N, C-alpha and C. Protein backbone atom coordinates (compact mmCIF):
# COMPACT_ATOMS: atom_id res chain seq x y z
N ASP A 1 -2.35 10.24 22.98
CA ASP A 1 -3.19 10.67 21.81
C ASP A 1 -2.58 10.02 20.51
N GLN A 2 -3.35 9.18 19.80
CA GLN A 2 -2.72 8.73 18.49
C GLN A 2 -3.30 9.50 17.48
N LYS A 3 -2.50 9.93 16.53
CA LYS A 3 -2.88 10.62 15.37
C LYS A 3 -3.73 9.79 14.47
N ILE A 4 -4.73 10.31 13.77
CA ILE A 4 -5.62 9.36 12.99
C ILE A 4 -4.87 8.77 11.86
N LEU A 5 -3.91 9.35 11.14
CA LEU A 5 -2.99 8.80 10.11
C LEU A 5 -2.27 7.71 10.51
N SER A 6 -1.83 7.68 11.81
CA SER A 6 -0.97 6.67 12.24
C SER A 6 -1.60 5.45 13.09
N ASN A 7 -3.01 5.66 13.22
CA ASN A 7 -3.61 4.81 14.02
C ASN A 7 -3.86 3.40 13.35
N ARG A 8 -3.30 2.41 13.98
CA ARG A 8 -3.42 0.92 13.67
C ARG A 8 -4.72 0.32 13.46
N GLU A 9 -5.68 0.97 14.00
CA GLU A 9 -7.20 0.56 14.00
C GLU A 9 -7.94 1.17 12.84
N ARG A 10 -7.23 1.99 12.03
CA ARG A 10 -8.06 2.61 10.89
C ARG A 10 -8.56 1.47 9.87
N SER A 11 -9.71 1.64 9.47
CA SER A 11 -10.41 0.78 8.65
C SER A 11 -9.47 0.34 7.51
N LEU A 12 -8.73 1.28 6.80
CA LEU A 12 -7.87 0.99 5.69
C LEU A 12 -6.68 0.16 6.16
N VAL A 13 -6.18 0.22 7.36
CA VAL A 13 -5.03 -0.54 7.72
C VAL A 13 -5.55 -1.89 7.88
N ARG A 14 -6.75 -2.04 8.65
CA ARG A 14 -7.28 -3.31 8.83
C ARG A 14 -7.53 -4.14 7.63
N ILE A 15 -8.12 -3.57 6.78
CA ILE A 15 -8.46 -4.19 5.36
C ILE A 15 -7.13 -4.61 4.68
N VAL A 16 -6.37 -3.67 4.60
CA VAL A 16 -5.01 -4.00 3.84
C VAL A 16 -4.33 -5.06 4.55
N SER A 17 -4.19 -5.02 5.95
CA SER A 17 -3.40 -6.09 6.54
C SER A 17 -4.14 -7.42 6.39
N ARG A 18 -5.45 -7.47 6.36
CA ARG A 18 -6.05 -8.80 6.15
C ARG A 18 -5.81 -9.34 4.77
N ILE A 19 -5.67 -8.44 3.65
CA ILE A 19 -5.45 -8.83 2.36
C ILE A 19 -4.03 -9.22 2.29
N ILE A 20 -2.98 -8.47 2.97
CA ILE A 20 -1.70 -9.14 2.99
C ILE A 20 -1.41 -10.47 3.80
N ALA A 21 -2.30 -10.52 4.87
CA ALA A 21 -2.12 -11.90 5.52
C ALA A 21 -2.57 -13.04 4.64
N GLU A 22 -3.69 -12.81 3.95
CA GLU A 22 -4.23 -13.79 3.00
C GLU A 22 -3.22 -14.11 1.90
N GLY A 23 -2.58 -13.10 1.30
CA GLY A 23 -1.47 -13.28 0.38
C GLY A 23 -0.39 -13.97 1.00
N GLN A 24 0.06 -13.79 2.18
CA GLN A 24 1.14 -14.53 2.90
C GLN A 24 0.66 -15.97 3.18
N ALA A 25 -0.53 -16.16 3.49
CA ALA A 25 -0.97 -17.53 3.62
C ALA A 25 -0.86 -18.37 2.41
N VAL A 26 -0.96 -17.85 1.20
CA VAL A 26 -0.67 -18.61 0.01
C VAL A 26 0.45 -18.57 -0.61
N GLY A 27 1.48 -17.85 -0.03
CA GLY A 27 2.82 -17.77 -0.41
C GLY A 27 2.99 -16.78 -1.64
N GLN A 28 2.08 -15.82 -1.87
CA GLN A 28 2.22 -14.69 -2.83
C GLN A 28 2.88 -13.67 -2.35
N LEU A 29 2.81 -13.30 -0.94
CA LEU A 29 3.44 -12.09 -0.46
C LEU A 29 4.55 -12.55 0.60
N ARG A 30 5.59 -11.78 0.77
CA ARG A 30 6.58 -11.94 1.53
C ARG A 30 6.14 -11.97 3.03
N SER A 31 6.99 -12.51 3.87
CA SER A 31 6.68 -12.67 5.31
C SER A 31 6.86 -11.25 5.91
N GLY A 32 6.44 -11.26 7.16
CA GLY A 32 6.54 -9.85 7.87
C GLY A 32 5.19 -9.50 8.55
N ASP A 33 5.12 -8.67 9.46
CA ASP A 33 4.04 -8.33 10.25
C ASP A 33 2.89 -7.73 9.18
N PRO A 34 1.76 -8.28 8.93
CA PRO A 34 0.93 -7.61 8.10
C PRO A 34 0.38 -6.28 8.41
N VAL A 35 0.29 -5.98 9.71
CA VAL A 35 -0.10 -4.61 10.04
C VAL A 35 0.96 -3.68 9.81
N GLU A 36 2.31 -3.99 10.13
CA GLU A 36 3.39 -3.21 9.62
C GLU A 36 3.39 -2.93 8.10
N LEU A 37 3.28 -4.00 7.44
CA LEU A 37 3.39 -3.74 5.92
C LEU A 37 2.22 -3.05 5.48
N ALA A 38 0.96 -3.14 5.95
CA ALA A 38 -0.18 -2.25 5.64
C ALA A 38 0.23 -0.87 5.90
N GLU A 39 0.87 -0.57 7.04
CA GLU A 39 1.23 0.83 7.38
C GLU A 39 2.09 1.38 6.42
N TRP A 40 3.09 0.38 5.99
CA TRP A 40 4.07 1.13 5.03
C TRP A 40 3.30 1.36 3.85
N MET A 41 2.52 0.63 3.29
CA MET A 41 1.60 0.79 1.99
C MET A 41 1.03 2.09 2.21
N ASN A 42 0.35 2.40 3.40
CA ASN A 42 -0.37 3.66 3.66
C ASN A 42 0.59 4.77 3.53
N ARG A 43 1.82 4.59 3.94
CA ARG A 43 2.74 5.74 3.81
C ARG A 43 3.13 6.08 2.50
N CYS A 44 3.26 4.96 1.62
CA CYS A 44 3.43 5.15 0.08
C CYS A 44 2.24 5.81 -0.53
N MET A 45 1.07 5.51 -0.04
CA MET A 45 -0.27 6.15 -0.53
C MET A 45 -0.10 7.60 -0.31
N ARG A 46 0.10 7.92 1.04
CA ARG A 46 0.19 9.28 1.46
C ARG A 46 1.15 10.16 0.63
N GLY A 47 2.41 9.53 0.42
CA GLY A 47 3.33 10.31 -0.48
C GLY A 47 2.93 10.58 -1.83
N PHE A 48 2.16 9.63 -2.46
CA PHE A 48 1.60 9.60 -3.74
C PHE A 48 0.57 10.73 -3.72
N PHE A 49 -0.34 10.75 -2.85
CA PHE A 49 -1.47 11.72 -2.75
C PHE A 49 -0.81 13.09 -2.54
N LEU A 50 0.16 13.22 -1.71
CA LEU A 50 0.96 14.50 -1.63
C LEU A 50 1.46 14.95 -2.75
N ASP A 51 2.23 14.28 -3.67
CA ASP A 51 2.66 14.42 -4.94
C ASP A 51 1.62 15.02 -5.87
N TRP A 52 0.57 14.42 -5.89
CA TRP A 52 -0.61 14.74 -6.71
C TRP A 52 -1.21 16.08 -6.17
N ALA A 53 -1.26 16.23 -4.93
CA ALA A 53 -1.77 17.56 -4.47
C ALA A 53 -0.84 18.68 -4.81
N ILE A 54 0.51 18.43 -4.59
CA ILE A 54 1.42 19.44 -5.01
C ILE A 54 1.44 19.88 -6.29
N SER A 55 1.18 18.88 -7.23
CA SER A 55 1.17 19.02 -8.67
C SER A 55 -0.14 19.78 -9.13
N LYS A 56 -1.05 20.04 -8.27
CA LYS A 56 -2.37 20.61 -8.47
C LYS A 56 -3.22 19.81 -9.45
N GLY A 57 -3.05 18.41 -9.35
CA GLY A 57 -3.91 17.66 -10.03
C GLY A 57 -3.43 17.35 -11.56
N THR A 58 -2.13 17.82 -11.79
CA THR A 58 -1.61 17.49 -13.05
C THR A 58 -1.08 16.04 -13.32
N ILE A 59 -0.72 15.44 -12.13
CA ILE A 59 -0.63 13.83 -12.30
C ILE A 59 -1.88 13.15 -12.49
N ASP A 60 -1.79 12.13 -13.55
CA ASP A 60 -2.81 11.37 -13.77
C ASP A 60 -3.03 10.34 -12.62
N ILE A 61 -3.74 10.58 -11.62
CA ILE A 61 -3.79 9.95 -10.26
C ILE A 61 -4.08 8.43 -10.53
N ARG A 62 -4.92 8.13 -11.55
CA ARG A 62 -5.45 6.70 -11.70
C ARG A 62 -4.35 6.00 -12.32
N LYS A 63 -3.84 6.58 -13.57
CA LYS A 63 -2.84 5.84 -14.31
C LYS A 63 -1.48 5.72 -13.59
N ASP A 64 -1.07 6.90 -12.98
CA ASP A 64 0.31 6.98 -12.43
C ASP A 64 0.29 6.12 -10.99
N GLY A 65 -0.98 6.17 -10.35
CA GLY A 65 -1.19 5.57 -9.16
C GLY A 65 -0.94 4.00 -9.40
N MET A 66 -1.72 3.53 -10.32
CA MET A 66 -1.72 2.08 -10.76
C MET A 66 -0.39 1.65 -11.04
N ARG A 67 0.30 2.45 -11.79
CA ARG A 67 1.73 2.12 -12.20
C ARG A 67 2.51 1.97 -11.04
N PHE A 68 2.46 3.13 -10.27
CA PHE A 68 3.41 3.15 -8.96
C PHE A 68 3.15 2.02 -8.08
N PHE A 69 1.89 1.64 -7.77
CA PHE A 69 1.68 0.49 -6.90
C PHE A 69 1.99 -0.82 -7.65
N SER A 70 1.90 -1.05 -8.94
CA SER A 70 2.24 -2.28 -9.44
C SER A 70 3.67 -2.48 -9.61
N GLU A 71 4.33 -1.35 -10.03
CA GLU A 71 5.82 -1.36 -10.25
C GLU A 71 6.70 -1.41 -9.06
N PHE A 72 6.15 -0.54 -7.93
CA PHE A 72 6.98 -0.48 -6.79
C PHE A 72 6.53 -1.05 -5.59
N VAL A 73 5.22 -0.81 -5.15
CA VAL A 73 4.65 -1.33 -3.87
C VAL A 73 4.47 -2.84 -4.08
N LEU A 74 3.84 -3.43 -5.00
CA LEU A 74 3.55 -4.70 -5.07
C LEU A 74 4.78 -5.45 -5.45
N SER A 75 5.66 -4.95 -6.12
CA SER A 75 7.01 -5.67 -6.28
C SER A 75 7.77 -5.90 -5.05
N ALA A 76 7.55 -4.89 -4.11
CA ALA A 76 8.30 -5.02 -2.81
C ALA A 76 7.57 -5.96 -2.02
N LEU A 77 6.32 -6.27 -2.25
CA LEU A 77 5.62 -7.21 -1.29
C LEU A 77 5.67 -8.66 -1.72
N CYS A 78 5.67 -8.75 -3.20
CA CYS A 78 5.38 -10.08 -3.73
C CYS A 78 6.53 -10.92 -3.72
N THR A 79 6.29 -12.30 -3.49
CA THR A 79 7.45 -13.31 -3.43
C THR A 79 7.74 -13.76 -4.92
N LYS A 80 6.80 -13.56 -5.74
CA LYS A 80 7.08 -13.97 -7.20
C LYS A 80 6.22 -12.88 -8.06
N GLN A 81 6.57 -12.89 -9.24
CA GLN A 81 5.83 -12.01 -10.25
C GLN A 81 4.29 -12.42 -10.35
N LEU A 82 3.47 -11.49 -10.18
CA LEU A 82 2.03 -11.89 -10.33
C LEU A 82 1.62 -11.34 -11.69
N HIS A 83 0.71 -11.95 -12.36
CA HIS A 83 0.18 -11.54 -13.50
C HIS A 83 -1.20 -11.00 -13.37
N ALA A 84 -1.55 -9.96 -13.79
CA ALA A 84 -2.92 -9.24 -13.68
C ALA A 84 -3.84 -9.76 -14.78
């Protein structure tokens, strides 16, 4: 029995892993198994959402979420600085 949150066939994991693979193909993202990297991103997302829930919504989920992913998650994946 696989739990839904750790299921590699989840739509989100498939979509994110495809995006990661595309970034790897053009040299923007670091090497590694795209599915595994997508799972790591999902873990980060779950942790962020847990913090938001614990804060009872006092965290600005949009603003802080964008900053968290651009400063922490993307910087861990990117091979070079990307400009938005």
